[in-house]
Amino acid sequence: MANTKSAAKRARQTERRSLRNRSVLTRIRTLSKRASAAGGKPADITALLSAIDKAAKRGIIHRNAGNRRKARFARARAIKT
Protein backbone atom coordinates (compact mmCIF):
# COMPACT_ATOMS: atom_id res chain seq x y z
CA MET A 1 0.00 0.00 0.00
CA ALA A 2 1.37 3.39 -1.00
CA ASN A 3 2.00 5.90 1.75
CA THR A 4 2.18 9.05 -0.38
CA LYS A 5 0.34 10.47 -3.36
CA SER A 6 3.37 10.11 -5.57
CA ALA A 7 3.85 6.48 -4.54
CA ALA A 8 0.18 5.78 -5.31
CA LYS A 9 0.56 7.38 -8.73
CA ARG A 10 3.68 5.33 -9.45
CA ALA A 11 1.80 2.17 -8.48
CA ARG A 12 -1.00 3.05 -10.91
CA GLN A 13 1.49 3.77 -13.71
CA THR A 14 3.34 0.53 -13.05
CA GLU A 15 0.09 -1.43 -13.20
CA ARG A 16 -0.84 0.10 -16.57
CA ARG A 17 2.61 -0.49 -18.02
CA SER A 18 2.71 -4.05 -16.74
CA LEU A 19 -0.54 -4.88 -18.50
CA ARG A 20 0.67 -3.30 -21.74
CA ASN A 21 4.04 -5.05 -21.56
CA ARG A 22 2.43 -8.39 -20.77
CA SER A 23 0.22 -8.15 -23.86
CA VAL A 24 3.24 -7.38 -26.05
CA LEU A 25 5.19 -10.33 -24.66
CA THR A 26 2.21 -12.63 -25.13
CA ARG A 27 1.92 -11.48 -28.74
CA ILE A 28 5.61 -12.20 -29.33
CA ARG A 29 5.22 -15.70 -27.89
CA THR A 30 2.15 -16.36 -30.06
CA LEU A 31 3.88 -15.08 -33.20
CA SER A 32 6.98 -17.15 -32.53
CA LYS A 33 4.89 -20.31 -32.22
CA ARG A 34 3.02 -19.43 -35.40
CA ALA A 35 6.23 -18.63 -37.32
CA SER A 36 7.97 -21.79 -36.05
CA ALA A 37 5.11 -24.02 -37.14
CA ALA A 38 5.70 -26.45 -40.00
CA GLY A 39 4.21 -24.16 -42.64
CA GLY A 40 5.42 -20.84 -41.25
CA LYS A 41 4.25 -18.17 -43.69
CA PRO A 42 6.63 -15.35 -44.62
CA ALA A 43 4.06 -12.88 -43.29
CA ASP A 44 4.19 -14.54 -39.86
CA ILE A 45 7.98 -14.41 -39.82
CA THR A 46 7.98 -10.73 -40.78
CA ALA A 47 5.39 -9.97 -38.09
CA LEU A 48 7.47 -11.77 -35.46
CA LEU A 49 10.69 -9.94 -36.30
CA SER A 50 8.84 -6.62 -36.40
CA ALA A 51 7.19 -7.26 -33.02
CA ILE A 52 10.54 -8.16 -31.45
CA ASP A 53 12.15 -4.99 -32.85
CA LYS A 54 9.30 -2.80 -31.62
CA ALA A 55 9.39 -4.33 -28.15
CA ALA A 56 13.15 -3.76 -27.95
CA LYS A 57 12.79 -0.19 -29.19
CA ARG A 58 10.16 0.58 -26.54
CA GLY A 59 12.18 -1.02 -23.78
CA ILE A 60 9.75 -3.84 -23.12
CA ILE A 61 12.56 -6.29 -23.72
CA HIS A 62 16.25 -5.44 -23.65
CA ARG A 63 17.88 -4.64 -26.99
CA ASN A 64 20.28 -7.57 -26.70
CA ALA A 65 17.43 -9.89 -25.71
CA GLY A 66 15.62 -8.90 -28.90
CA ASN A 67 18.72 -9.59 -30.99
CA ARG A 68 19.19 -12.92 -29.22
CA ARG A 69 15.61 -13.99 -29.89
CA LYS A 70 15.90 -13.10 -33.57
CA ALA A 71 19.22 -14.93 -33.90
CA ARG A 72 17.88 -18.07 -32.24
CA PHE A 73 14.81 -18.00 -34.46
CA ALA A 74 16.96 -17.58 -37.59
CA ARG A 75 19.26 -20.42 -36.51
CA ALA A 76 16.28 -22.72 -35.90
CA ARG A 77 14.86 -21.82 -39.32
CA ALA A 78 18.22 -22.56 -40.98
CA ILE A 79 18.45 -25.99 -39.34
CA LYS A 80 14.90 -26.92 -40.44
CA THR A 81 15.50 -25.94 -44.04
C-alpha atoms as a PDB file:
ATOM      1  CA  MET A   1       0.000   0.000   0.000  1.00  0.00           C
ATOM      2  CA  ALA A   2       1.367   3.392  -1.000  1.00  0.00           C
ATOM      3  CA  ASN A   3       1.998   5.896   1.753  1.00  0.00           C
ATOM      4  CA  THR A   4       2.180   9.049  -0.376  1.00  0.00           C
ATOM      5  CA  LYS A   5       0.338  10.473  -3.360  1.00  0.00           C
ATOM      6  CA  SER A   6       3.372  10.111  -5.575  1.00  0.00           C
ATOM      7  CA  ALA A   7       3.846   6.479  -4.543  1.00  0.00           C
ATOM      8  CA  ALA A   8       0.184   5.777  -5.314  1.00  0.00           C
ATOM      9  CA  LYS A   9       0.561   7.376  -8.734  1.00  0.00           C
ATOM     10  CA  ARG A  10       3.682   5.330  -9.451  1.00  0.00           C
ATOM     11  CA  ALA A  11       1.797   2.165  -8.480  1.00  0.00           C
ATOM     12  CA  ARG A  12      -1.000   3.052 -10.912  1.00  0.00           C
ATOM     13  CA  GLN A  13       1.491   3.771 -13.706  1.00  0.00           C
ATOM     14  CA  THR A  14       3.339   0.533 -13.048  1.00  0.00           C
ATOM     15  CA  GLU A  15       0.094  -1.434 -13.203  1.00  0.00           C
ATOM     16  CA  ARG A  16      -0.843   0.100 -16.571  1.00  0.00           C
ATOM     17  CA  ARG A  17       2.613  -0.486 -18.024  1.00  0.00           C
ATOM     18  CA  SER A  18       2.713  -4.054 -16.740  1.00  0.00           C
ATOM     19  CA  LEU A  19      -0.542  -4.881 -18.503  1.00  0.00           C
ATOM     20  CA  ARG A  20       0.675  -3.303 -21.737  1.00  0.00           C
ATOM     21  CA  ASN A  21       4.041  -5.052 -21.557  1.00  0.00           C
ATOM     22  CA  ARG A  22       2.428  -8.393 -20.774  1.00  0.00           C
ATOM     23  CA  SER A  23       0.219  -8.149 -23.859  1.00  0.00           C
ATOM     24  CA  VAL A  24       3.241  -7.380 -26.048  1.00  0.00           C
ATOM     25  CA  LEU A  25       5.194 -10.326 -24.655  1.00  0.00           C
ATOM     26  CA  THR A  26       2.211 -12.625 -25.128  1.00  0.00           C
ATOM     27  CA  ARG A  27       1.925 -11.478 -28.739  1.00  0.00           C
ATOM     28  CA  ILE A  28       5.611 -12.198 -29.330  1.00  0.00           C
ATOM     29  CA  ARG A  29       5.221 -15.700 -27.891  1.00  0.00           C
ATOM     30  CA  THR A  30       2.152 -16.358 -30.063  1.00  0.00           C
ATOM     31  CA  LEU A  31       3.876 -15.078 -33.199  1.00  0.00           C
ATOM     32  CA  SER A  32       6.977 -17.150 -32.526  1.00  0.00           C
ATOM     33  CA  LYS A  33       4.886 -20.315 -32.223  1.00  0.00           C
ATOM     34  CA  ARG A  34       3.020 -19.430 -35.395  1.00  0.00           C
ATOM     35  CA  ALA A  35       6.232 -18.631 -37.317  1.00  0.00           C
ATOM     36  CA  SER A  36       7.975 -21.791 -36.053  1.00  0.00           C
ATOM     37  CA  ALA A  37       5.107 -24.020 -37.144  1.00  0.00           C
ATOM     38  CA  ALA A  38       5.704 -26.449 -39.996  1.00  0.00           C
ATOM     39  CA  GLY A  39       4.208 -24.156 -42.644  1.00  0.00           C
ATOM     40  CA  GLY A  40       5.415 -20.843 -41.249  1.00  0.00           C
ATOM     41  CA  LYS A  41       4.254 -18.174 -43.687  1.00  0.00           C
ATOM     42  CA  PRO A  42       6.628 -15.349 -44.625  1.00  0.00           C
ATOM     43  CA  ALA A  43       4.058 -12.879 -43.289  1.00  0.00           C
ATOM     44  CA  ASP A  44       4.186 -14.535 -39.857  1.00  0.00           C
ATOM     45  CA  ILE A  45       7.975 -14.406 -39.820  1.00  0.00           C
ATOM     46  CA  THR A  46       7.976 -10.730 -40.776  1.00  0.00           C
ATOM     47  CA  ALA A  47       5.394  -9.970 -38.094  1.00  0.00           C
ATOM     48  CA  LEU A  48       7.472 -11.771 -35.460  1.00  0.00           C
ATOM     49  CA  LEU A  49      10.693  -9.938 -36.301  1.00  0.00           C
ATOM     50  CA  SER A  50       8.843  -6.621 -36.399  1.00  0.00           C
ATOM     51  CA  ALA A  51       7.192  -7.260 -33.021  1.00  0.00           C
ATOM     52  CA  ILE A  52      10.544  -8.155 -31.447  1.00  0.00           C
ATOM     53  CA  ASP A  53      12.154  -4.992 -32.851  1.00  0.00           C
ATOM     54  CA  LYS A  54       9.303  -2.803 -31.624  1.00  0.00           C
ATOM     55  CA  ALA A  55       9.394  -4.333 -28.146  1.00  0.00           C
ATOM     56  CA  ALA A  56      13.147  -3.760 -27.953  1.00  0.00           C
ATOM     57  CA  LYS A  57      12.787  -0.193 -29.193  1.00  0.00           C
ATOM     58  CA  ARG A  58      10.162   0.577 -26.543  1.00  0.00           C
ATOM     59  CA  GLY A  59      12.181  -1.023 -23.779  1.00  0.00           C
ATOM     60  CA  ILE A  60       9.746  -3.837 -23.122  1.00  0.00           C
ATOM     61  CA  ILE A  61      12.562  -6.288 -23.722  1.00  0.00           C
ATOM     62  CA  HIS A  62      16.255  -5.440 -23.645  1.00  0.00           C
ATOM     63  CA  ARG A  63      17.878  -4.644 -26.985  1.00  0.00           C
ATOM     64  CA  ASN A  64      20.281  -7.575 -26.697  1.00  0.00           C
ATOM     65  CA  ALA A  65      17.431  -9.891 -25.713  1.00  0.00           C
ATOM     66  CA  GLY A  66      15.625  -8.899 -28.903  1.00  0.00           C
ATOM     67  CA  ASN A  67      18.722  -9.594 -30.990  1.00  0.00           C
ATOM     68  CA  ARG A  68      19.193 -12.923 -29.218  1.00  0.00           C
ATOM     69  CA  ARG A  69      15.607 -13.987 -29.892  1.00  0.00           C
ATOM     70  CA  LYS A  70      15.903 -13.098 -33.573  1.00  0.00           C
ATOM     71  CA  ALA A  71      19.224 -14.934 -33.901  1.00  0.00           C
ATOM     72  CA  ARG A  72      17.877 -18.071 -32.240  1.00  0.00           C
ATOM     73  CA  PHE A  73      14.812 -18.002 -34.464  1.00  0.00           C
ATOM     74  CA  ALA A  74      16.963 -17.577 -37.593  1.00  0.00           C
ATOM     75  CA  ARG A  75      19.259 -20.419 -36.508  1.00  0.00           C
ATOM     76  CA  ALA A  76      16.282 -22.717 -35.897  1.00  0.00           C
ATOM     77  CA  ARG A  77      14.864 -21.819 -39.322  1.00  0.00           C
ATOM     78  CA  ALA A  78      18.220 -22.564 -40.984  1.00  0.00           C
ATOM     79  CA  ILE A  79      18.452 -25.986 -39.345  1.00  0.00           C
ATOM     80  CA  LYS A  80      14.901 -26.923 -40.439  1.00  0.00           C
ATOM     81  CA  THR A  81      15.504 -25.937 -44.044  1.00  0.00           C
END
